[in-house]
Protein backbone atom coordinates (compact mmCIF):
# COMPACT_ATOMS: atom_id res chain seq x y z
CA UNK A 1 -77.93 -2.29 94.54
CA UNK A 2 -79.11 -5.88 94.55
CA UNK A 3 -76.73 -8.83 94.60
CA UNK A 4 -77.62 -12.28 93.32
CA UNK A 5 -76.41 -15.37 95.16
CA UNK A 6 -77.30 -18.07 92.64
CA UNK A 7 -73.93 -19.57 91.71
CA UNK A 8 -73.82 -22.29 94.36
CA UNK A 9 -70.52 -21.04 95.77
CA UNK A 10 -69.39 -17.83 97.51
CA UNK A 11 -66.35 -17.74 95.22
CA UNK A 12 -68.51 -17.89 92.08
CA UNK A 13 -70.94 -15.37 93.58
CA UNK A 14 -67.99 -13.00 94.07
CA UNK A 15 -67.03 -13.54 90.42
CA UNK A 16 -70.66 -12.74 89.55
CA UNK A 17 -70.39 -9.24 90.98
CA UNK A 18 -69.39 -8.24 87.46
CA UNK A 19 -72.79 -8.45 85.78
CA UNK A 20 -71.48 -8.89 82.26
CA UNK A 21 -68.01 -9.22 80.88
CA UNK A 22 -69.13 -8.74 77.26
CA UNK A 23 -69.99 -5.32 75.89
CA UNK A 24 -70.79 -2.87 78.65
CA UNK A 25 -69.31 -4.15 81.90
CA UNK A 26 -71.23 -3.43 85.09
CA UNK A 27 -69.11 -3.87 88.22
CA UNK A 28 -71.28 -4.07 91.31
CA UNK A 29 -68.22 -3.63 93.52
CA UNK A 30 -67.33 -0.05 92.61
CA UNK A 31 -66.28 0.91 96.15
CA UNK A 32 -65.30 -0.75 99.45
CA UNK A 33 -68.82 -0.10 100.81
CA UNK A 34 -70.26 -2.26 97.99
CA UNK A 35 -67.98 -5.12 99.01
CA UNK A 36 -69.01 -4.73 102.65
CA UNK A 37 -72.68 -4.91 101.61
CA UNK A 38 -72.08 -7.97 99.42
CA UNK A 39 -70.40 -9.76 102.33
CA UNK A 40 -73.25 -8.79 104.65
CA UNK A 41 -75.82 -10.24 102.22
CA UNK A 42 -73.90 -13.49 101.60
CA UNK A 43 -75.26 -16.15 103.99
CA UNK A 44 -71.93 -17.98 104.17
CA UNK A 45 -69.93 -14.98 105.37
CA UNK A 46 -69.75 -12.87 108.58
CA UNK A 47 -72.26 -10.13 109.30
CA UNK A 48 -69.91 -7.19 109.87
CA UNK A 49 -66.73 -6.70 107.86
CA UNK A 50 -65.03 -3.46 106.90
CA UNK A 51 -62.97 -2.92 103.78
CA UNK A 52 -60.11 -0.48 103.39
CA UNK A 53 -58.53 0.44 100.05
CA UNK A 54 -55.83 -2.27 100.20
CA UNK A 55 -58.12 -5.18 101.12
CA UNK A 56 -60.71 -3.94 98.60
CA UNK A 57 -58.06 -4.11 95.88
CA UNK A 58 -57.10 -7.61 97.08
CA UNK A 59 -60.75 -8.68 96.84
CA UNK A 60 -61.00 -7.44 93.24
CA UNK A 61 -57.73 -9.19 92.33
CA UNK A 62 -59.02 -12.43 93.87
CA UNK A 63 -62.33 -12.08 92.02
CA UNK A 64 -60.58 -11.69 88.66
CA UNK A 65 -58.13 -14.52 89.38
CA UNK A 66 -60.98 -16.88 90.28
CA UNK A 67 -62.83 -15.89 87.10
CA UNK A 68 -59.75 -16.58 84.98
CA UNK A 69 -59.12 -19.93 86.69
CA UNK A 70 -62.76 -20.96 86.26
CA UNK A 71 -62.67 -20.18 82.54
CA UNK A 72 -59.47 -22.18 82.20
CA UNK A 73 -61.03 -25.09 84.06
CA UNK A 74 -64.15 -24.97 81.87
CA UNK A 75 -61.97 -24.99 78.72
CA UNK A 76 -59.63 -27.71 80.08
CA UNK A 77 -56.64 -25.38 79.82
CA UNK A 78 -53.69 -25.09 82.17
CA UNK A 79 -54.13 -22.55 84.93
CA UNK A 80 -52.47 -19.16 84.46
CA UNK A 81 -49.58 -18.97 86.97
CA UNK A 82 -50.44 -15.40 88.04
CA UNK A 83 -54.11 -16.22 88.76
CA UNK A 84 -53.08 -19.42 90.49
CA UNK A 85 -50.63 -17.53 92.71
CA UNK A 86 -53.27 -14.94 93.68
CA UNK A 87 -55.80 -17.63 94.66
CA UNK A 88 -53.26 -19.78 96.50
CA UNK A 89 -51.79 -16.80 98.39
CA UNK A 90 -55.27 -15.65 99.44
CA UNK A 91 -56.11 -19.19 100.59
CA UNK A 92 -53.04 -19.20 102.86
CA UNK A 93 -54.42 -16.34 104.98
CA UNK A 94 -56.23 -16.43 108.33
CA UNK A 95 -59.40 -18.46 108.82
CA UNK A 96 -62.80 -17.19 109.82
CA UNK A 97 -63.72 -17.88 113.44
CA UNK A 98 -66.63 -20.26 113.84
CA UNK A 99 -68.87 -20.27 116.91
CA UNK A 100 -71.82 -22.49 117.65
CA UNK A 101 -74.66 -21.30 119.85
CA UNK A 102 -78.29 -22.21 120.51
CA UNK A 103 -79.26 -19.91 117.63
CA UNK A 104 -76.90 -21.62 115.18
CA UNK A 105 -73.55 -21.03 113.55
CA UNK A 106 -71.87 -17.63 113.69
CA UNK A 107 -68.86 -16.63 111.60
CA UNK A 108 -66.56 -13.74 112.40
CA UNK A 109 -63.32 -12.33 111.09
CA UNK A 110 -61.84 -9.48 109.13
CA UNK A 111 -61.84 -9.01 105.35
CA UNK A 112 -58.58 -10.93 105.00
CA UNK A 113 -60.22 -13.96 106.65
CA UNK A 114 -63.25 -13.56 104.38
CA UNK A 115 -60.99 -13.53 101.31
CA UNK A 116 -59.19 -16.62 102.62
CA UNK A 117 -62.55 -18.37 102.99
CA UNK A 118 -63.61 -17.35 99.47
CA UNK A 119 -60.27 -18.40 97.97
CA UNK A 120 -60.44 -21.81 99.67
CA UNK A 121 -64.01 -22.24 98.46
CA UNK A 122 -62.95 -21.35 94.91
CA UNK A 123 -60.01 -23.73 95.03
CA UNK A 124 -62.27 -26.55 96.25
CA UNK A 125 -64.72 -25.91 93.39
CA UNK A 126 -61.98 -25.73 90.77
CA UNK A 127 -60.23 -28.85 92.08
CA UNK A 128 -63.43 -30.92 91.98
CA UNK A 129 -63.40 -32.64 88.58
CA UNK A 130 -67.00 -33.79 89.17
CA UNK A 131 -68.28 -30.24 89.67
CA UNK A 132 -70.26 -29.14 86.64
CA UNK A 133 -69.15 -25.55 86.15
CA UNK A 134 -71.10 -23.54 83.55
CA UNK A 135 -71.64 -20.04 82.23
CA UNK A 136 -75.16 -18.64 82.05
CA UNK A 137 -76.93 -19.33 78.75
CA UNK A 138 -78.30 -15.77 78.42
CA UNK A 139 -76.14 -14.09 75.79
CA UNK A 140 -75.23 -10.98 77.78
CA UNK A 141 -74.78 -12.70 81.16
CA UNK A 142 -71.36 -14.09 82.02
CA UNK A 143 -72.17 -15.38 85.51
CA UNK A 144 -70.57 -18.74 86.29
CA UNK A 145 -72.41 -21.30 88.41
CA UNK A 146 -72.30 -24.87 89.66
CA UNK A 147 -74.93 -26.95 87.89
CA UNK A 148 -76.22 -29.37 90.49
CA UNK A 149 -79.47 -30.04 88.66
CA UNK A 150 -80.56 -33.53 87.76
CA UNK A 151 -78.74 -34.48 84.58
CA UNK A 152 -76.82 -31.17 84.65
CA UNK A 153 -79.50 -29.53 82.49
CA UNK A 154 -79.57 -26.11 84.10
CA UNK A 155 -79.20 -23.41 81.46
CA UNK A 156 -79.22 -20.09 83.33
CA UNK A 157 -77.46 -18.77 86.39
CA UNK A 158 -80.87 -18.08 87.92
CA UNK A 159 -84.46 -18.32 86.83
CA UNK A 160 -85.58 -15.06 88.46
CA UNK A 161 -83.58 -12.82 86.16
CA UNK A 162 -81.88 -14.62 83.30
CA UNK A 163 -84.31 -17.51 82.83
CA UNK A 164 -87.31 -15.20 82.85
CA UNK A 165 -85.66 -12.79 80.40
CA UNK A 166 -84.81 -15.57 77.94
CA UNK A 167 -88.26 -17.13 78.18
CA UNK A 168 -90.00 -13.74 77.79
CA UNK A 169 -87.87 -12.91 74.73
CA UNK A 170 -88.67 -16.29 73.17
CA UNK A 171 -92.38 -15.75 73.83
CA UNK A 172 -92.27 -12.28 72.24
CA UNK A 173 -90.43 -13.68 69.21
CA UNK A 174 -93.00 -16.48 68.77
CA UNK A 175 -95.85 -14.02 69.16
CA UNK A 176 -94.31 -11.60 66.66
CA UNK A 177 -93.71 -14.42 64.17
CA UNK A 178 -97.31 -15.59 64.54
CA UNK A 179 -98.62 -12.04 64.02
CA UNK A 180 -96.48 -11.61 60.89
CA UNK A 181 -97.76 -14.93 59.57
CA UNK A 182 -101.37 -13.78 60.04
CA UNK A 183 -100.77 -10.31 58.55
CA UNK A 184 -98.64 -10.85 55.43
CA UNK A 185 -97.20 -7.63 54.00
């Protein structure tokens, strides 16, 4: 399983672990081990964290609450009290431990501390009225991301997957249209 970290925020990358929320939903966090792997691969989180059933459920609840809050922010709607309570309660938990060494910064903590960190990151993103929060422009991708591009012109969550797919589809459509124009039926 391959995770994408293209959203510009650990909170939005957690939300992006559901590949699509339209049609067939693909949840990349089907088990606690998937969450542990996602945390391991995320540069802004500790290297070793274990997830039990209860904290795994809490992570999924936080993910869905952050998604709901982000949609509400993007649509300029009031936040849903339930989602707001989940995010705020998670943000009130223990902090990650930060250590500096000659090799750089090292984070440590349990899954509760990781969820606190993610919740605080999500709250900071959602509270920033200057943050340009968008949904990917590819029709079957629902990943949310921070558009920090010049002029806020970014269209896709990431060029490697979504951008390339959209561009390849457009190329095929142009090519097919040109071929049909040359070979009238």
